[in-house]
Amino acid sequence: MKGKPIAELPNFGPKSQQMLERAGIKTLEELRRLGSVAAYVRVKRCGASTSLNLLWAMEGALTGISWQEVAREHRTSLILALDEFERGGRD
């Protein structure tokens, strides 16, 4: 595996790591390539029961800020991006 493993990133506990890996996202580079919104949708499509906290954690891992700050400062823009992504049927 090439790149920094998800397990080494901030914001992710063991359960989140397992959900990401089950969705085929095992490195920071894979997460970066997808982006937090597409990665979140991929995890959900794998049948994982998760909350928006995972979206905040992924965005935080990509931007270098805590998931709590993402939830406070970027919540609306991420929810709108998620809605647009899901309406567009992208994968």
N, C-alpha and C. Protein backbone atom coordinates (compact mmCIF):
# COMPACT_ATOMS: atom_id res chain seq x y z
N MET A 1 0.85 -1.18 0.00
CA MET A 1 0.00 0.00 0.00
C MET A 1 0.88 1.23 0.00
N LYS A 2 0.59 2.15 -0.89
CA LYS A 2 1.36 3.37 -1.00
C LYS A 2 0.59 4.51 -0.34
N GLY A 3 1.28 5.31 0.44
CA GLY A 3 0.66 6.46 1.08
C GLY A 3 0.41 6.25 2.55
N LYS A 4 0.05 7.33 3.21
CA LYS A 4 -0.20 7.32 4.64
C LYS A 4 -1.50 6.56 4.94
N PRO A 5 -1.42 5.53 5.78
CA PRO A 5 -2.63 4.75 6.09
C PRO A 5 -3.66 5.57 6.86
N ILE A 6 -4.91 5.27 6.64
CA ILE A 6 -6.01 5.94 7.33
C ILE A 6 -5.82 5.85 8.85
N ALA A 7 -5.32 4.73 9.33
CA ALA A 7 -5.15 4.53 10.77
C ALA A 7 -4.22 5.57 11.40
N GLU A 8 -3.37 6.21 10.61
CA GLU A 8 -2.44 7.20 11.14
C GLU A 8 -2.99 8.63 11.10
N LEU A 9 -4.17 8.80 10.56
CA LEU A 9 -4.73 10.14 10.43
C LEU A 9 -5.48 10.55 11.68
N PRO A 10 -5.50 11.85 11.99
CA PRO A 10 -6.30 12.32 13.12
C PRO A 10 -7.78 12.22 12.79
N ASN A 11 -8.60 12.29 13.79
CA ASN A 11 -10.07 12.32 13.68
C ASN A 11 -10.73 10.96 13.52
N PHE A 12 -9.98 9.88 13.29
CA PHE A 12 -10.59 8.58 13.04
C PHE A 12 -10.33 7.61 14.18
N GLY A 13 -11.41 7.02 14.68
CA GLY A 13 -11.29 5.94 15.64
C GLY A 13 -11.30 4.62 14.90
N PRO A 14 -11.17 3.51 15.61
CA PRO A 14 -11.13 2.19 14.97
C PRO A 14 -12.36 1.88 14.12
N LYS A 15 -13.54 2.25 14.59
CA LYS A 15 -14.77 1.97 13.84
C LYS A 15 -14.78 2.74 12.52
N SER A 16 -14.40 4.00 12.56
CA SER A 16 -14.35 4.81 11.34
C SER A 16 -13.34 4.23 10.35
N GLN A 17 -12.18 3.82 10.87
CA GLN A 17 -11.14 3.22 10.02
C GLN A 17 -11.68 1.98 9.33
N GLN A 18 -12.39 1.15 10.06
CA GLN A 18 -12.95 -0.08 9.48
C GLN A 18 -13.96 0.23 8.40
N MET A 19 -14.82 1.23 8.63
CA MET A 19 -15.82 1.60 7.62
C MET A 19 -15.14 2.09 6.34
N LEU A 20 -14.12 2.92 6.50
CA LEU A 20 -13.40 3.44 5.33
C LEU A 20 -12.71 2.31 4.58
N GLU A 21 -12.05 1.44 5.30
CA GLU A 21 -11.34 0.34 4.65
C GLU A 21 -12.31 -0.60 3.93
N ARG A 22 -13.48 -0.83 4.53
CA ARG A 22 -14.48 -1.68 3.88
C ARG A 22 -14.98 -1.04 2.58
N ALA A 23 -14.94 0.29 2.53
CA ALA A 23 -15.34 1.02 1.32
C ALA A 23 -14.18 1.17 0.33
N GLY A 24 -13.03 0.57 0.66
CA GLY A 24 -11.89 0.60 -0.25
C GLY A 24 -11.01 1.83 -0.10
N ILE A 25 -11.18 2.55 0.99
CA ILE A 25 -10.40 3.77 1.23
C ILE A 25 -9.40 3.46 2.34
N LYS A 26 -8.15 3.25 1.96
CA LYS A 26 -7.16 2.79 2.92
C LYS A 26 -6.02 3.76 3.16
N THR A 27 -5.91 4.78 2.32
CA THR A 27 -4.82 5.74 2.48
C THR A 27 -5.34 7.17 2.36
N LEU A 28 -4.54 8.10 2.83
CA LEU A 28 -4.86 9.51 2.70
C LEU A 28 -4.99 9.89 1.23
N GLU A 29 -4.15 9.33 0.39
CA GLU A 29 -4.20 9.65 -1.04
C GLU A 29 -5.52 9.22 -1.66
N GLU A 30 -6.03 8.05 -1.26
CA GLU A 30 -7.33 7.60 -1.78
C GLU A 30 -8.45 8.52 -1.30
N LEU A 31 -8.37 8.92 -0.04
CA LEU A 31 -9.37 9.85 0.49
C LEU A 31 -9.28 11.19 -0.22
N ARG A 32 -8.08 11.68 -0.44
CA ARG A 32 -7.88 12.96 -1.12
C ARG A 32 -8.41 12.89 -2.56
N ARG A 33 -8.16 11.77 -3.24
CA ARG A 33 -8.62 11.62 -4.63
C ARG A 33 -10.15 11.68 -4.71
N LEU A 34 -10.81 11.06 -3.76
CA LEU A 34 -12.28 11.04 -3.76
C LEU A 34 -12.87 12.35 -3.24
N GLY A 35 -12.26 12.88 -2.21
CA GLY A 35 -12.83 14.01 -1.50
C GLY A 35 -13.76 13.49 -0.41
N SER A 36 -13.99 14.31 0.59
CA SER A 36 -14.75 13.85 1.75
C SER A 36 -16.19 13.50 1.41
N VAL A 37 -16.83 14.24 0.55
CA VAL A 37 -18.24 13.99 0.24
C VAL A 37 -18.41 12.67 -0.51
N ALA A 38 -17.63 12.45 -1.56
CA ALA A 38 -17.72 11.19 -2.31
C ALA A 38 -17.32 10.00 -1.45
N ALA A 39 -16.33 10.18 -0.60
CA ALA A 39 -15.91 9.09 0.30
C ALA A 39 -17.03 8.76 1.28
N TYR A 40 -17.69 9.77 1.81
CA TYR A 40 -18.80 9.55 2.74
C TYR A 40 -19.92 8.75 2.05
N VAL A 41 -20.26 9.14 0.84
CA VAL A 41 -21.30 8.43 0.09
C VAL A 41 -20.88 6.99 -0.17
N ARG A 42 -19.63 6.79 -0.50
CA ARG A 42 -19.13 5.43 -0.74
C ARG A 42 -19.26 4.56 0.52
N VAL A 43 -18.92 5.12 1.66
CA VAL A 43 -19.04 4.38 2.93
C VAL A 43 -20.50 4.03 3.17
N LYS A 44 -21.40 4.99 2.98
CA LYS A 44 -22.83 4.73 3.19
C LYS A 44 -23.34 3.65 2.24
N ARG A 45 -22.87 3.66 1.01
CA ARG A 45 -23.33 2.68 0.02
C ARG A 45 -22.82 1.28 0.32
N CYS A 46 -21.80 1.17 1.14
CA CYS A 46 -21.30 -0.14 1.56
C CYS A 46 -22.14 -0.72 2.70
N GLY A 47 -23.15 0.01 3.10
CA GLY A 47 -24.05 -0.49 4.14
C GLY A 47 -23.68 -0.06 5.55
N ALA A 48 -22.70 0.81 5.67
CA ALA A 48 -22.29 1.25 7.01
C ALA A 48 -23.34 2.17 7.60
N SER A 49 -23.60 1.98 8.86
CA SER A 49 -24.49 2.87 9.60
C SER A 49 -23.62 3.92 10.26
N THR A 50 -23.60 5.09 9.68
CA THR A 50 -22.71 6.14 10.17
C THR A 50 -23.46 7.46 10.25
N SER A 51 -22.87 8.40 10.92
CA SER A 51 -23.47 9.72 11.04
C SER A 51 -22.63 10.74 10.26
N LEU A 52 -23.09 11.96 10.25
CA LEU A 52 -22.34 13.01 9.58
C LEU A 52 -21.01 13.29 10.27
N ASN A 53 -20.82 12.79 11.48
CA ASN A 53 -19.53 12.96 12.15
C ASN A 53 -18.40 12.36 11.32
N LEU A 54 -18.68 11.30 10.57
CA LEU A 54 -17.66 10.71 9.71
C LEU A 54 -17.29 11.69 8.59
N LEU A 55 -18.27 12.37 8.04
CA LEU A 55 -18.00 13.38 7.01
C LEU A 55 -17.13 14.49 7.59
N TRP A 56 -17.47 14.95 8.78
CA TRP A 56 -16.66 16.00 9.42
C TRP A 56 -15.24 15.50 9.64
N ALA A 57 -15.09 14.25 10.08
CA ALA A 57 -13.76 13.69 10.35
C ALA A 57 -12.93 13.59 9.06
N MET A 58 -13.56 13.16 7.98
CA MET A 58 -12.82 13.05 6.72
C MET A 58 -12.40 14.42 6.20
N GLU A 59 -13.30 15.39 6.28
CA GLU A 59 -12.95 16.74 5.83
C GLU A 59 -11.83 17.30 6.71
N GLY A 60 -11.89 17.02 8.00
CA GLY A 60 -10.84 17.46 8.91
C GLY A 60 -9.50 16.82 8.58
N ALA A 61 -9.51 15.55 8.23
CA ALA A 61 -8.27 14.87 7.86
C ALA A 61 -7.66 15.48 6.60
N LEU A 62 -8.52 15.91 5.68
CA LEU A 62 -8.03 16.51 4.43
C LEU A 62 -7.56 17.94 4.61
N THR A 63 -8.15 18.65 5.56
CA THR A 63 -7.81 20.06 5.72
C THR A 63 -6.88 20.33 6.89
N GLY A 64 -6.69 19.32 7.74
CA GLY A 64 -5.80 19.49 8.88
C GLY A 64 -6.44 20.18 10.07
N ILE A 65 -7.77 20.20 10.11
CA ILE A 65 -8.44 20.78 11.28
C ILE A 65 -9.28 19.72 11.97
N SER A 66 -9.65 19.98 13.21
CA SER A 66 -10.40 18.99 13.97
C SER A 66 -11.81 18.83 13.41
N TRP A 67 -12.37 17.64 13.63
CA TRP A 67 -13.71 17.39 13.13
C TRP A 67 -14.72 18.32 13.80
N GLN A 68 -14.46 18.71 15.05
CA GLN A 68 -15.38 19.61 15.75
C GLN A 68 -15.43 20.98 15.07
N GLU A 69 -14.27 21.46 14.65
CA GLU A 69 -14.22 22.75 13.96
C GLU A 69 -14.91 22.65 12.59
N VAL A 70 -14.70 21.54 11.90
CA VAL A 70 -15.38 21.33 10.62
C VAL A 70 -16.89 21.38 10.84
N ALA A 71 -17.37 20.68 11.87
CA ALA A 71 -18.80 20.65 12.15
C ALA A 71 -19.35 22.05 12.44
N ARG A 72 -18.57 22.87 13.11
CA ARG A 72 -19.00 24.23 13.43
C ARG A 72 -18.92 25.16 12.23
N GLU A 73 -17.81 25.12 11.52
CA GLU A 73 -17.52 26.12 10.50
C GLU A 73 -17.93 25.75 9.08
N HIS A 74 -18.00 24.45 8.78
CA HIS A 74 -18.21 24.02 7.39
C HIS A 74 -19.42 23.11 7.21
N ARG A 75 -20.21 22.97 8.25
CA ARG A 75 -21.37 22.08 8.25
C ARG A 75 -22.31 22.35 7.06
N THR A 76 -22.74 23.57 6.90
CA THR A 76 -23.71 23.90 5.86
C THR A 76 -23.17 23.63 4.47
N SER A 77 -21.94 24.06 4.20
CA SER A 77 -21.39 23.85 2.85
C SER A 77 -21.21 22.36 2.55
N LEU A 78 -20.84 21.57 3.54
CA LEU A 78 -20.67 20.13 3.31
C LEU A 78 -22.01 19.43 3.11
N ILE A 79 -23.01 19.83 3.87
CA ILE A 79 -24.34 19.22 3.68
C ILE A 79 -24.90 19.58 2.31
N LEU A 80 -24.71 20.82 1.87
CA LEU A 80 -25.16 21.21 0.53
C LEU A 80 -24.40 20.43 -0.55
N ALA A 81 -23.09 20.26 -0.37
CA ALA A 81 -22.29 19.49 -1.33
C ALA A 81 -22.74 18.03 -1.36
N LEU A 82 -23.06 17.48 -0.20
CA LEU A 82 -23.54 16.10 -0.11
C LEU A 82 -24.87 15.95 -0.84
N ASP A 83 -25.77 16.88 -0.61
CA ASP A 83 -27.07 16.86 -1.27
C ASP A 83 -26.91 16.95 -2.79
N GLU A 84 -26.07 17.84 -3.23
CA GLU A 84 -25.82 17.99 -4.67
C GLU A 84 -25.19 16.73 -5.26
N PHE A 85 -24.26 16.15 -4.56
CA PHE A 85 -23.61 14.93 -5.02
C PHE A 85 -24.63 13.81 -5.17
N GLU A 86 -25.46 13.63 -4.15
CA GLU A 86 -26.44 12.54 -4.19
C GLU A 86 -27.52 12.77 -5.25
N ARG A 87 -27.92 14.00 -5.47
CA ARG A 87 -28.90 14.29 -6.52
C ARG A 87 -28.33 14.06 -7.90
N GLY A 88 -27.02 14.30 -8.04
CA GLY A 88 -26.36 14.12 -9.32
C GLY A 88 -26.06 12.67 -9.65
N GLY A 89 -26.22 11.78 -8.66
CA GLY A 89 -26.01 10.37 -8.88
C GLY A 89 -24.57 9.99 -9.17
N ARG A 90 -23.64 10.85 -8.78
CA ARG A 90 -22.23 10.54 -9.04
C ARG A 90 -21.75 9.44 -8.11
N ASP A 91 -20.63 8.79 -8.53
CA ASP A 91 -20.08 7.72 -7.70
C ASP A 91 -18.68 7.95 -7.32
